[in-house]
Amino acid sequence: MLGIDRRHPGLEAVNVVRVFDMPIASFGVQTGETCLRWQDGAGAVRKVLLESGRVAGGQLIGEINGAGVLHEMMKKGTAVERFGTHLVHPGFGYIHTMEPLRAVKWA
């Protein structure tokens, strides 16, 4: 429109809804090479799908905390194998993705 050559990167499949007071979040693909699952026995279920050690999609029902972190990891193509099954736990967040602080040597 302005004469600048640009390409649209495409849209992502991301949905967040509430059905009968149950929050649901979904992003990315529906099937993957590896599927990590978590459930609490009270109806909450979290499923994170991996392809080549990276998040490819997820479905979270009832417990959607951290959906933004998982979605961002998918967009960035972050290698997530180091997190193991902690990745799918509702307590997983940005703090777990940070590198440990290194000691600072003062002159």
PDB file of N, CA and C in Angstrom:
ATOM      1  N   MET A   1       0.816  -1.171   0.000  1.00  0.00           N
ATOM      2  CA  MET A   1       0.000   0.000   0.000  1.00  0.00           C
ATOM      3  C   MET A   1       0.876   1.256   0.000  1.00  0.00           C
ATOM      4  N   LEU A   2       2.010   1.214   0.669  1.00  0.00           N
ATOM      5  CA  LEU A   2       2.906   2.355   0.723  1.00  0.00           C
ATOM      6  C   LEU A   2       4.080   2.206  -0.226  1.00  0.00           C
ATOM      7  N   GLY A   3       4.056   1.149  -1.027  1.00  0.00           N
ATOM      8  CA  GLY A   3       5.147   0.904  -1.942  1.00  0.00           C
ATOM      9  C   GLY A   3       6.312   0.160  -1.306  1.00  0.00           C
ATOM     10  N   ILE A   4       6.111  -0.323  -0.082  1.00  0.00           N
ATOM     11  CA  ILE A   4       7.150  -1.078   0.622  1.00  0.00           C
ATOM     12  C   ILE A   4       6.871  -2.564   0.427  1.00  0.00           C
ATOM     13  N   ASP A   5       7.877  -3.306  -0.027  1.00  0.00           N
ATOM     14  CA  ASP A   5       7.717  -4.730  -0.264  1.00  0.00           C
ATOM     15  C   ASP A   5       7.686  -5.473   1.068  1.00  0.00           C
ATOM     16  N   ARG A   6       6.532  -5.981   1.443  1.00  0.00           N
ATOM     17  CA  ARG A   6       6.352  -6.714   2.697  1.00  0.00           C
ATOM     18  C   ARG A   6       5.521  -7.959   2.434  1.00  0.00           C
ATOM     19  N   ARG A   7       5.798  -9.012   3.199  1.00  0.00           N
ATOM     20  CA  ARG A   7       5.000 -10.232   3.128  1.00  0.00           C
ATOM     21  C   ARG A   7       4.327 -10.463   4.465  1.00  0.00           C
ATOM     22  N   HIS A   8       3.080 -10.883   4.411  1.00  0.00           N
ATOM     23  CA  HIS A   8       2.354 -11.224   5.624  1.00  0.00           C
ATOM     24  C   HIS A   8       2.824 -12.603   6.081  1.00  0.00           C
ATOM     25  N   PRO A   9       3.244 -12.757   7.361  1.00  0.00           N
ATOM     26  CA  PRO A   9       3.778 -14.038   7.825  1.00  0.00           C
ATOM     27  C   PRO A   9       2.711 -15.119   8.000  1.00  0.00           C
ATOM     28  N   GLY A  10       1.445 -14.760   7.868  1.00  0.00           N
ATOM     29  CA  GLY A  10       0.377 -15.735   8.054  1.00  0.00           C
ATOM     30  C   GLY A  10      -0.225 -15.620   9.442  1.00  0.00           C
ATOM     31  N   LEU A  11      -1.345 -16.259   9.621  1.00  0.00           N
ATOM     32  CA  LEU A  11      -2.050 -16.222  10.898  1.00  0.00           C
ATOM     33  C   LEU A  11      -1.832 -17.520  11.654  1.00  0.00           C
ATOM     34  N   GLU A  12      -1.955 -17.454  12.948  1.00  0.00           N
ATOM     35  CA  GLU A  12      -1.823 -18.625  13.790  1.00  0.00           C
ATOM     36  C   GLU A  12      -3.186 -19.008  14.331  1.00  0.00           C
ATOM     37  N   ALA A  13      -3.366 -20.303  14.527  1.00  0.00           N
ATOM     38  CA  ALA A  13      -4.608 -20.791  15.118  1.00  0.00           C
ATOM     39  C   ALA A  13      -4.491 -20.683  16.636  1.00  0.00           C
ATOM     40  N   VAL A  14      -5.127 -19.654  17.208  1.00  0.00           N
ATOM     41  CA  VAL A  14      -5.129 -19.457  18.659  1.00  0.00           C
ATOM     42  C   VAL A  14      -6.559 -19.155  19.083  1.00  0.00           C
ATOM     43  N   ASN A  15      -7.057 -19.911  20.065  1.00  0.00           N
ATOM     44  CA  ASN A  15      -8.412 -19.701  20.560  1.00  0.00           C
ATOM     45  C   ASN A  15      -8.417 -19.769  22.080  1.00  0.00           C
ATOM     46  N   VAL A  16      -9.112 -18.833  22.702  1.00  0.00           N
ATOM     47  CA  VAL A  16      -9.336 -18.863  24.143  1.00  0.00           C
ATOM     48  C   VAL A  16     -10.807 -18.553  24.348  1.00  0.00           C
ATOM     49  N   VAL A  17     -11.527 -19.486  24.982  1.00  0.00           N
ATOM     50  CA  VAL A  17     -12.957 -19.320  25.216  1.00  0.00           C
ATOM     51  C   VAL A  17     -13.307 -19.824  26.616  1.00  0.00           C
ATOM     52  N   ARG A  18     -14.515 -19.526  27.023  1.00  0.00           N
ATOM     53  CA  ARG A  18     -15.049 -20.043  28.282  1.00  0.00           C
ATOM     54  C   ARG A  18     -16.361 -20.740  27.928  1.00  0.00           C
ATOM     55  N   VAL A  19     -16.441 -22.022  28.250  1.00  0.00           N
ATOM     56  CA  VAL A  19     -17.641 -22.805  27.972  1.00  0.00           C
ATOM     57  C   VAL A  19     -18.167 -23.332  29.300  1.00  0.00           C
ATOM     58  N   PHE A  20     -19.377 -22.922  29.671  1.00  0.00           N
ATOM     59  CA  PHE A  20     -19.971 -23.323  30.952  1.00  0.00           C
ATOM     60  C   PHE A  20     -19.001 -23.096  32.116  1.00  0.00           C
ATOM     61  N   ASP A  21     -18.419 -21.911  32.174  1.00  0.00           N
ATOM     62  CA  ASP A  21     -17.460 -21.509  33.214  1.00  0.00           C
ATOM     63  C   ASP A  21     -16.159 -22.300  33.197  1.00  0.00           C
ATOM     64  N   MET A  22     -15.886 -23.010  32.113  1.00  0.00           N
ATOM     65  CA  MET A  22     -14.636 -23.769  31.971  1.00  0.00           C
ATOM     66  C   MET A  22     -13.763 -23.059  30.944  1.00  0.00           C
ATOM     67  N   PRO A  23     -12.606 -22.498  31.371  1.00  0.00           N
ATOM     68  CA  PRO A  23     -11.723 -21.839  30.404  1.00  0.00           C
ATOM     69  C   PRO A  23     -11.017 -22.870  29.528  1.00  0.00           C
ATOM     70  N   ILE A  24     -10.913 -22.557  28.244  1.00  0.00           N
ATOM     71  CA  ILE A  24     -10.274 -23.450  27.274  1.00  0.00           C
ATOM     72  C   ILE A  24      -9.350 -22.616  26.397  1.00  0.00           C
ATOM     73  N   ALA A  25      -8.126 -23.096  26.210  1.00  0.00           N
ATOM     74  CA  ALA A  25      -7.166 -22.435  25.325  1.00  0.00           C
ATOM     75  C   ALA A  25      -6.614 -23.474  24.359  1.00  0.00           C
ATOM     76  N   SER A  26      -6.457 -23.078  23.115  1.00  0.00           N
ATOM     77  CA  SER A  26      -5.934 -23.974  22.086  1.00  0.00           C
ATOM     78  C   SER A  26      -5.067 -23.162  21.140  1.00  0.00           C
ATOM     79  N   PHE A  27      -3.933 -23.746  20.738  1.00  0.00           N
ATOM     80  CA  PHE A  27      -3.052 -23.061  19.784  1.00  0.00           C
ATOM     81  C   PHE A  27      -2.254 -24.097  19.012  1.00  0.00           C
ATOM     82  N   GLY A  28      -1.834 -23.716  17.826  1.00  0.00           N
ATOM     83  CA  GLY A  28      -0.990 -24.589  17.011  1.00  0.00           C
ATOM     84  C   GLY A  28      -1.699 -25.822  16.480  1.00  0.00           C
ATOM     85  N   VAL A  29      -0.929 -26.896  16.307  1.00  0.00           N
ATOM     86  CA  VAL A  29      -1.449 -28.130  15.714  1.00  0.00           C
ATOM     87  C   VAL A  29      -2.200 -28.968  16.740  1.00  0.00           C
ATOM     88  N   GLN A  30      -2.980 -29.917  16.250  1.00  0.00           N
ATOM     89  CA  GLN A  30      -3.782 -30.779  17.119  1.00  0.00           C
ATOM     90  C   GLN A  30      -3.131 -32.138  17.363  1.00  0.00           C
ATOM     91  N   THR A  31      -2.143 -32.496  16.560  1.00  0.00           N
ATOM     92  CA  THR A  31      -1.417 -33.751  16.743  1.00  0.00           C
ATOM     93  C   THR A  31       0.071 -33.468  16.611  1.00  0.00           C
ATOM     94  N   GLY A  32       0.885 -34.300  17.233  1.00  0.00           N
ATOM     95  CA  GLY A  32       2.322 -34.080  17.174  1.00  0.00           C
ATOM     96  C   GLY A  32       3.098 -35.369  17.346  1.00  0.00           C
ATOM     97  N   GLU A  33       4.376 -35.258  17.165  1.00  0.00           N
ATOM     98  CA  GLU A  33       5.305 -36.373  17.307  1.00  0.00           C
ATOM     99  C   GLU A  33       5.291 -36.903  18.747  1.00  0.00           C
ATOM    100  N   THR A  34       5.253 -35.975  19.721  1.00  0.00           N
ATOM    101  CA  THR A  34       5.224 -36.314  21.140  1.00  0.00           C
ATOM    102  C   THR A  34       4.085 -35.546  21.788  1.00  0.00           C
ATOM    103  N   CYS A  35       3.378 -36.210  22.704  1.00  0.00           N
ATOM    104  CA  CYS A  35       2.267 -35.573  23.410  1.00  0.00           C
ATOM    105  C   CYS A  35       2.516 -35.662  24.909  1.00  0.00           C
ATOM    106  N   LEU A  36       2.631 -34.509  25.568  1.00  0.00           N
ATOM    107  CA  LEU A  36       2.761 -34.453  27.024  1.00  0.00           C
ATOM    108  C   LEU A  36       1.387 -34.130  27.596  1.00  0.00           C
ATOM    109  N   ARG A  37       0.976 -34.874  28.636  1.00  0.00           N
ATOM    110  CA  ARG A  37      -0.348 -34.658  29.238  1.00  0.00           C
ATOM    111  C   ARG A  37      -0.239 -34.441  30.738  1.00  0.00           C
ATOM    112  N   TRP A  38      -1.177 -33.645  31.258  1.00  0.00           N
ATOM    113  CA  TRP A  38      -1.330 -33.437  32.692  1.00  0.00           C
ATOM    114  C   TRP A  38      -2.817 -33.341  32.957  1.00  0.00           C
ATOM    115  N   GLN A  39      -3.265 -33.931  34.042  1.00  0.00           N
ATOM    116  CA  GLN A  39      -4.651 -33.732  34.457  1.00  0.00           C
ATOM    117  C   GLN A  39      -4.719 -33.798  35.970  1.00  0.00           C
ATOM    118  N   ASP A  40      -5.720 -33.101  36.527  1.00  0.00           N
ATOM    119  CA  ASP A  40      -5.807 -32.998  37.981  1.00  0.00           C
ATOM    120  C   ASP A  40      -6.871 -33.901  38.592  1.00  0.00           C
ATOM    121  N   GLY A  41      -7.616 -34.640  37.795  1.00  0.00           N
ATOM    122  CA  GLY A  41      -8.655 -35.515  38.332  1.00  0.00           C
ATOM    123  C   GLY A  41      -9.974 -34.803  38.585  1.00  0.00           C
ATOM    124  N   ALA A  42      -9.999 -33.485  38.454  1.00  0.00           N
ATOM    125  CA  ALA A  42     -11.230 -32.719  38.671  1.00  0.00           C
ATOM    126  C   ALA A  42     -11.745 -32.117  37.366  1.00  0.00           C
ATOM    127  N   GLY A  43     -11.218 -32.574  36.242  1.00  0.00           N
ATOM    128  CA  GLY A  43     -11.697 -32.098  34.949  1.00  0.00           C
ATOM    129  C   GLY A  43     -10.705 -31.255  34.165  1.00  0.00           C
ATOM    130  N   ALA A  44      -9.654 -30.776  34.821  1.00  0.00           N
ATOM    131  CA  ALA A  44      -8.653 -29.972  34.106  1.00  0.00           C
ATOM    132  C   ALA A  44      -7.693 -30.908  33.378  1.00  0.00           C
ATOM    133  N   VAL A  45      -7.434 -30.582  32.113  1.00  0.00           N
ATOM    134  CA  VAL A  45      -6.525 -31.379  31.284  1.00  0.00           C
ATOM    135  C   VAL A  45      -5.652 -30.416  30.488  1.00  0.00           C
ATOM    136  N   ARG A  46      -4.368 -30.741  30.406  1.00  0.00           N
ATOM    137  CA  ARG A  46      -3.429 -29.950  29.606  1.00  0.00           C
ATOM    138  C   ARG A  46      -2.674 -30.904  28.702  1.00  0.00           C
ATOM    139  N   LYS A  47      -2.604 -30.564  27.435  1.00  0.00           N
ATOM    140  CA  LYS A  47      -1.888 -31.368  26.457  1.00  0.00           C
ATOM    141  C   LYS A  47      -0.991 -30.437  25.647  1.00  0.00           C
ATOM    142  N   VAL A  48       0.310 -30.766  25.595  1.00  0.00           N
ATOM    143  CA  VAL A  48       1.269 -29.993  24.814  1.00  0.00           C
ATOM    144  C   VAL A  48       1.878 -30.933  23.788  1.00  0.00           C
ATOM    145  N   LEU A  49       1.841 -30.519  22.530  1.00  0.00           N
ATOM    146  CA  LEU A  49       2.336 -31.341  21.433  1.00  0.00           C
ATOM    147  C   LEU A  49       3.688 -30.833  20.969  1.00  0.00           C
ATOM    148  N   LEU A  50       4.620 -31.760  20.773  1.00  0.00           N
ATOM    149  CA  LEU A  50       5.974 -31.416  20.369  1.00  0.00           C
ATOM    150  C   LEU A  50       6.306 -32.013  19.012  1.00  0.00           C
ATOM    151  N   GLU A  51       7.108 -31.288  18.249  1.00  0.00           N
ATOM    152  CA  GLU A  51       7.690 -31.754  16.978  1.00  0.00           C
ATOM    153  C   GLU A  51       9.168 -31.422  17.039  1.00  0.00           C
ATOM    154  N   SER A  52      10.003 -32.407  16.894  1.00  0.00           N
ATOM    155  CA  SER A  52      11.460 -32.220  16.915  1.00  0.00           C
ATOM    156  C   SER A  52      11.933 -31.461  18.160  1.00  0.00           C
ATOM    157  N   GLY A  53      11.328 -31.757  19.317  1.00  0.00           N
ATOM    158  CA  GLY A  53      11.747 -31.132  20.567  1.00  0.00           C
ATOM    159  C   GLY A  53      11.297 -29.703  20.761  1.00  0.00           C
ATOM    160  N   ARG A  54      10.324 -29.259  19.951  1.00  0.00           N
ATOM    161  CA  ARG A  54       9.797 -27.895  20.057  1.00  0.00           C
ATOM    162  C   ARG A  54       8.278 -27.936  20.160  1.00  0.00           C
ATOM    163  N   VAL A  55       7.704 -26.946  20.855  1.00  0.00           N
ATOM    164  CA  VAL A  55       6.245 -26.890  20.995  1.00  0.00           C
ATOM    165  C   VAL A  55       5.620 -26.663  19.623  1.00  0.00           C
ATOM    166  N   ALA A  56       4.652 -27.517  19.291  1.00  0.00           N
ATOM    167  CA  ALA A  56       3.951 -27.396  18.013  1.00  0.00           C
ATOM    168  C   ALA A  56       2.483 -27.038  18.222  1.00  0.00           C
ATOM    169  N   GLY A  57       1.990 -27.228  19.438  1.00  0.00           N
ATOM    170  CA  GLY A  57       0.604 -26.905  19.718  1.00  0.00           C
ATOM    171  C   GLY A  57       0.238 -27.292  21.133  1.00  0.00           C
ATOM    172  N   GLY A  58      -0.971 -26.928  21.522  1.00  0.00           N
ATOM    173  CA  GLY A  58      -1.437 -27.277  22.859  1.00  0.00           C
ATOM    174  C   GLY A  58      -2.927 -27.070  23.005  1.00  0.00           C
ATOM    175  N   GLN A  59      -3.501 -27.862  23.884  1.00  0.00           N
ATOM    176  CA  GLN A  59      -4.894 -27.719  24.272  1.00  0.00           C
ATOM    177  C   GLN A  59      -4.937 -27.746  25.794  1.00  0.00           C
ATOM    178  N   LEU A  60      -5.515 -26.720  26.382  1.00  0.00           N
ATOM    179  CA  LEU A  60      -5.585 -26.602  27.831  1.00  0.00           C
ATOM    180  C   LEU A  60      -7.036 -26.395  28.225  1.00  0.00           C
ATOM    181  N   ILE A  61      -7.534 -27.239  29.104  1.00  0.00           N
ATOM    182  CA  ILE A  61      -8.934 -27.171  29.523  1.00  0.00           C
ATOM    183  C   ILE A  61      -8.982 -27.055  31.037  1.00  0.00           C
ATOM    184  N   GLY A  62      -9.651 -26.011  31.527  1.00  0.00           N
ATOM    185  CA  GLY A  62      -9.827 -25.821  32.959  1.00  0.00           C
ATOM    186  C   GLY A  62      -8.677 -25.114  33.638  1.00  0.00           C
ATOM    187  N   GLU A  63      -7.475 -25.376  33.240  1.00  0.00           N
ATOM    188  CA  GLU A  63      -6.268 -24.794  33.838  1.00  0.00           C
ATOM    189  C   GLU A  63      -5.424 -24.235  32.705  1.00  0.00           C
ATOM    190  N   ILE A  64      -5.669 -22.952  32.354  1.00  0.00           N
ATOM    191  CA  ILE A  64      -5.006 -22.385  31.171  1.00  0.00           C
ATOM    192  C   ILE A  64      -3.847 -21.445  31.513  1.00  0.00           C
ATOM    193  N   ASN A  65      -3.464 -21.382  32.801  1.00  0.00           N
ATOM    194  CA  ASN A  65      -2.320 -20.554  33.183  1.00  0.00           C
ATOM    195  C   ASN A  65      -1.087 -20.987  32.400  1.00  0.00           C
ATOM    196  N   GLY A  66      -0.329 -20.032  31.927  1.00  0.00           N
ATOM    197  CA  GLY A  66       0.889 -20.328  31.192  1.00  0.00           C
ATOM    198  C   GLY A  66       0.685 -20.588  29.711  1.00  0.00           C
ATOM    199  N   ALA A  67      -0.544 -20.473  29.223  1.00  0.00           N
ATOM    200  CA  ALA A  67      -0.799 -20.697  27.799  1.00  0.00           C
ATOM    201  C   ALA A  67       0.012 -19.726  26.947  1.00  0.00           C
ATOM    202  N   GLY A  68       0.150 -18.491  27.409  1.00  0.00           N
ATOM    203  CA  GLY A  68       0.919 -17.494  26.670  1.00  0.00           C
ATOM    204  C   GLY A  68       2.396 -17.857  26.580  1.00  0.00           C
ATOM    205  N   VAL A  69       2.934 -18.438  27.651  1.00  0.00           N
ATOM    206  CA  VAL A  69       4.339 -18.858  27.658  1.00  0.00           C
ATOM    207  C   VAL A  69       4.540 -19.961  26.627  1.00  0.00           C
ATOM    208  N   LEU A  70       3.658 -20.956  26.640  1.00  0.00           N
ATOM    209  CA  LEU A  70       3.759 -22.065  25.692  1.00  0.00           C
ATOM    210  C   LEU A  70       3.606 -21.576  24.252  1.00  0.00           C
ATOM    211  N   HIS A  71       2.669 -20.675  24.030  1.00  0.00           N
ATOM    212  CA  HIS A  71       2.443 -20.134  22.692  1.00  0.00           C
ATOM    213  C   HIS A  71       3.678 -19.365  22.209  1.00  0.00           C
ATOM    214  N   GLU A  72       4.261 -18.578  23.089  1.00  0.00           N
ATOM    215  CA  GLU A  72       5.464 -17.813  22.730  1.00  0.00           C
ATOM    216  C   GLU A  72       6.625 -18.748  22.405  1.00  0.00           C
ATOM    217  N   MET A  73       6.760 -19.825  23.179  1.00  0.00           N
ATOM    218  CA  MET A  73       7.813 -20.812  22.899  1.00  0.00           C
ATOM    219  C   MET A  73       7.597 -21.452  21.529  1.00  0.00           C
ATOM    220  N   MET A  74       6.339 -21.687  21.186  1.00  0.00           N
ATOM    221  CA  MET A  74       6.020 -22.246  19.874  1.00  0.00           C
ATOM    222  C   MET A  74       6.416 -21.259  18.774  1.00  0.00           C
ATOM    223  N   LYS A  75       6.043 -19.988  18.941  1.00  0.00           N
ATOM    224  CA  LYS A  75       6.358 -18.982  17.927  1.00  0.00           C
ATOM    225  C   LYS A  75       7.855 -18.805  17.739  1.00  0.00           C
ATOM    226  N   LYS A  76       8.612 -18.859  18.828  1.00  0.00           N
ATOM    227  CA  LYS A  76      10.065 -18.659  18.758  1.00  0.00           C
ATOM    228  C   LYS A  76      10.819 -19.924  18.371  1.00  0.00           C
ATOM    229  N   GLY A  77      10.147 -21.074  18.407  1.00  0.00           N
ATOM    230  CA  GLY A  77      10.820 -22.330  18.077  1.00  0.00           C
ATOM    231  C   GLY A  77      11.818 -22.759  19.144  1.00  0.00           C
ATOM    232  N   THR A  78      11.518 -22.447  20.402  1.00  0.00           N
ATOM    233  CA  THR A  78      12.401 -22.767  21.515  1.00  0.00           C
ATOM    234  C   THR A  78      12.521 -24.276  21.715  1.00  0.00           C
ATOM    235  N   ALA A  79      13.741 -24.768  21.889  1.00  0.00           N
ATOM    236  CA  ALA A  79      13.959 -26.181  22.217  1.00  0.00           C
ATOM    237  C   ALA A  79      13.499 -26.384  23.662  1.00  0.00           C
ATOM    238  N   VAL A  80      12.600 -27.336  23.889  1.00  0.00           N
ATOM    239  CA  VAL A  80      11.989 -27.496  25.209  1.00  0.00           C
ATOM    240  C   VAL A  80      12.263 -28.839  25.877  1.00  0.00           C
ATOM    241  N   GLU A  81      13.083 -29.666  25.281  1.00  0.00           N
ATOM    242  CA  GLU A  81      13.337 -30.994  25.843  1.00  0.00           C
ATOM    243  C   GLU A  81      13.866 -30.930  27.271  1.00  0.00           C
ATOM    244  N   ARG A  82      14.627 -29.893  27.595  1.00  0.00           N
ATOM    245  CA  ARG A  82      15.220 -29.778  28.936  1.00  0.00           C
ATOM    246  C   ARG A  82      14.174 -29.642  30.035  1.00  0.00           C
ATOM    247  N   PHE A  83      12.956 -29.227  29.690  1.00  0.00           N
ATOM    248  CA  PHE A  83      11.907 -29.034  30.686  1.00  0.00           C
ATOM    249  C   PHE A  83      11.166 -30.325  31.012  1.00  0.00           C
ATOM    250  N   GLY A  84      11.233 -31.307  30.135  1.00  0.00           N
ATOM    251  CA  GLY A  84      10.549 -32.577  30.360  1.00  0.00           C
ATOM    252  C   GLY A  84       9.059 -32.388  30.597  1.00  0.00           C
ATOM    253  N   THR A  85       8.498 -33.161  31.525  1.00  0.00           N
ATOM    254  CA  THR A  85       7.059 -33.095  31.796  1.00  0.00           C
ATOM    255  C   THR A  85       6.662 -31.841  32.568  1.00  0.00           C
ATOM    256  N   HIS A  86       7.640 -31.095  33.106  1.00  0.00           N
ATOM    257  CA  HIS A  86       7.315 -29.835  33.795  1.00  0.00           C
ATOM    258  C   HIS A  86       6.663 -28.846  32.834  1.00  0.00           C
ATOM    259  N   LEU A  87       6.961 -28.980  31.560  1.00  0.00           N
ATOM    260  CA  LEU A  87       6.434 -28.078  30.534  1.00  0.00           C
ATOM    261  C   LEU A  87       4.910 -28.041  30.529  1.00  0.00           C
ATOM    262  N   VAL A  88       4.277 -29.147  30.818  1.00  0.00           N
ATOM    263  CA  VAL A  88       2.823 -29.247  30.732  1.00  0.00           C
ATOM    264  C   VAL A  88       2.118 -28.925  32.062  1.00  0.00           C
ATOM    265  N   HIS A  89       2.882 -28.763  33.134  1.00  0.00           N
ATOM    266  CA  HIS A  89       2.296 -28.480  34.442  1.00  0.00           C
ATOM    267  C   HIS A  89       1.770 -27.043  34.488  1.00  0.00           C
ATOM    268  N   PRO A  90       0.623 -26.793  35.145  1.00  0.00           N
ATOM    269  CA  PRO A  90       0.069 -25.433  35.201  1.00  0.00           C
ATOM    270  C   PRO A  90       0.977 -24.415  35.878  1.00  0.00           C
ATOM    271  N   GLY A  91       1.910 -24.847  36.704  1.00  0.00           N
ATOM    272  CA  GLY A  91       2.818 -23.928  37.373  1.00  0.00           C
ATOM    273  C   GLY A  91       3.994 -23.498  36.510  1.00  0.00           C
ATOM    274  N   PHE A  92       4.116 -24.064  35.311  1.00  0.00           N
ATOM    275  CA  PHE A  92       5.226 -23.710  34.429  1.00  0.00           C
ATOM    276  C   PHE A  92       5.025 -22.290  33.914  1.00  0.00           C
ATOM    277  N   GLY A  93       6.086 -21.475  33.968  1.00  0.00           N
ATOM    278  CA  GLY A  93       5.960 -20.092  33.522  1.00  0.00           C
ATOM    279  C   GLY A  93       7.271 -19.528  33.009  1.00  0.00           C
ATOM    280  N   TYR A  94       7.284 -18.229  32.756  1.00  0.00           N
ATOM    281  CA  TYR A  94       8.472 -17.556  32.224  1.00  0.00           C
ATOM    282  C   TYR A  94       9.697 -17.768  33.105  1.00  0.00           C
ATOM    283  N   ILE A  95       9.488 -17.823  34.418  1.00  0.00           N
ATOM    284  CA  ILE A  95      10.615 -17.963  35.335  1.00  0.00           C
ATOM    285  C   ILE A  95      11.411 -19.231  35.038  1.00  0.00           C
ATOM    286  N   HIS A  96      10.748 -20.266  34.571  1.00  0.00           N
ATOM    287  CA  HIS A  96      11.422 -21.530  34.291  1.00  0.00           C
ATOM    288  C   HIS A  96      12.240 -21.489  32.997  1.00  0.00           C
ATOM    289  N   THR A  97      12.002 -20.499  32.173  1.00  0.00           N
ATOM    290  CA  THR A  97      12.721 -20.398  30.902  1.00  0.00           C
ATOM    291  C   THR A  97      13.991 -19.553  31.019  1.00  0.00           C
ATOM    292  N   MET A  98      14.162 -18.881  32.154  1.00  0.00           N
ATOM    293  CA  MET A  98      15.302 -17.987  32.318  1.00  0.00           C
ATOM    294  C   MET A  98      16.565 -18.782  32.626  1.00  0.00           C
ATOM    295  N   GLU A  99      17.675 -18.275  32.138  1.00  0.00           N
ATOM    296  CA  GLU A  99      18.975 -18.882  32.422  1.00  0.00           C
ATOM    297  C   GLU A  99      19.382 -18.488  33.846  1.00  0.00           C
ATOM    298  N   PRO A 100      20.091 -19.353  34.549  1.00  0.00           N
ATOM    299  CA  PRO A 100      20.553 -18.970  35.887  1.00  0.00           C
ATOM    300  C   PRO A 100      21.450 -17.740  35.826  1.00  0.00           C
ATOM    301  N   LEU A 101      21.367 -16.902  36.835  1.00  0.00           N
ATOM    302  CA  LEU A 101      22.219 -15.717  36.874  1.00  0.00           C
ATOM    303  C   LEU A 101      23.669 -16.143  37.067  1.00  0.00           C
ATOM    304  N   ARG A 102      24.535 -15.496  36.378  1.00  0.00           N
ATOM    305  CA  ARG A 102      25.964 -15.792  36.489  1.00  0.00           C
ATOM    306  C   ARG A 102      26.581 -14.801  37.484  1.00  0.00           C
ATOM    307  N   ALA A 103      27.568 -15.264  38.208  1.00  0.00           N
ATOM    308  CA  ALA A 103      28.250 -14.389  39.173  1.00  0.00           C
ATOM    309  C   ALA A 103      28.928 -13.235  38.421  1.00  0.00           C
ATOM    310  N   VAL A 104      28.834 -12.087  38.977  1.00  0.00           N
ATOM    311  CA  VAL A 104      29.455 -10.906  38.367  1.00  0.00           C
ATOM    312  C   VAL A 104      30.785 -10.652  39.072  1.00  0.00           C
ATOM    313  N   LYS A 105      31.837 -10.535  38.296  1.00  0.00           N
ATOM    314  CA  LYS A 105      33.161 -10.241  38.865  1.00  0.00           C
ATOM    315  C   LYS A 105      33.359  -8.735  38.849  1.00  0.00           C
ATOM    316  N   TRP A 106      33.518  -8.165  40.023  1.00  0.00           N
ATOM    317  CA  TRP A 106      33.720  -6.730  40.122  1.00  0.00           C
ATOM    318  C   TRP A 106      35.217  -6.444  40.110  1.00  0.00           C
ATOM    319  N   ALA A 107      35.605  -5.396  39.389  1.00  0.00           N
ATOM    320  CA  ALA A 107      37.030  -5.022  39.305  1.00  0.00           C
ATOM    321  C   ALA A 107      37.451  -4.243  40.513  1.00  0.00           C
TER     322      ALA A 107
END
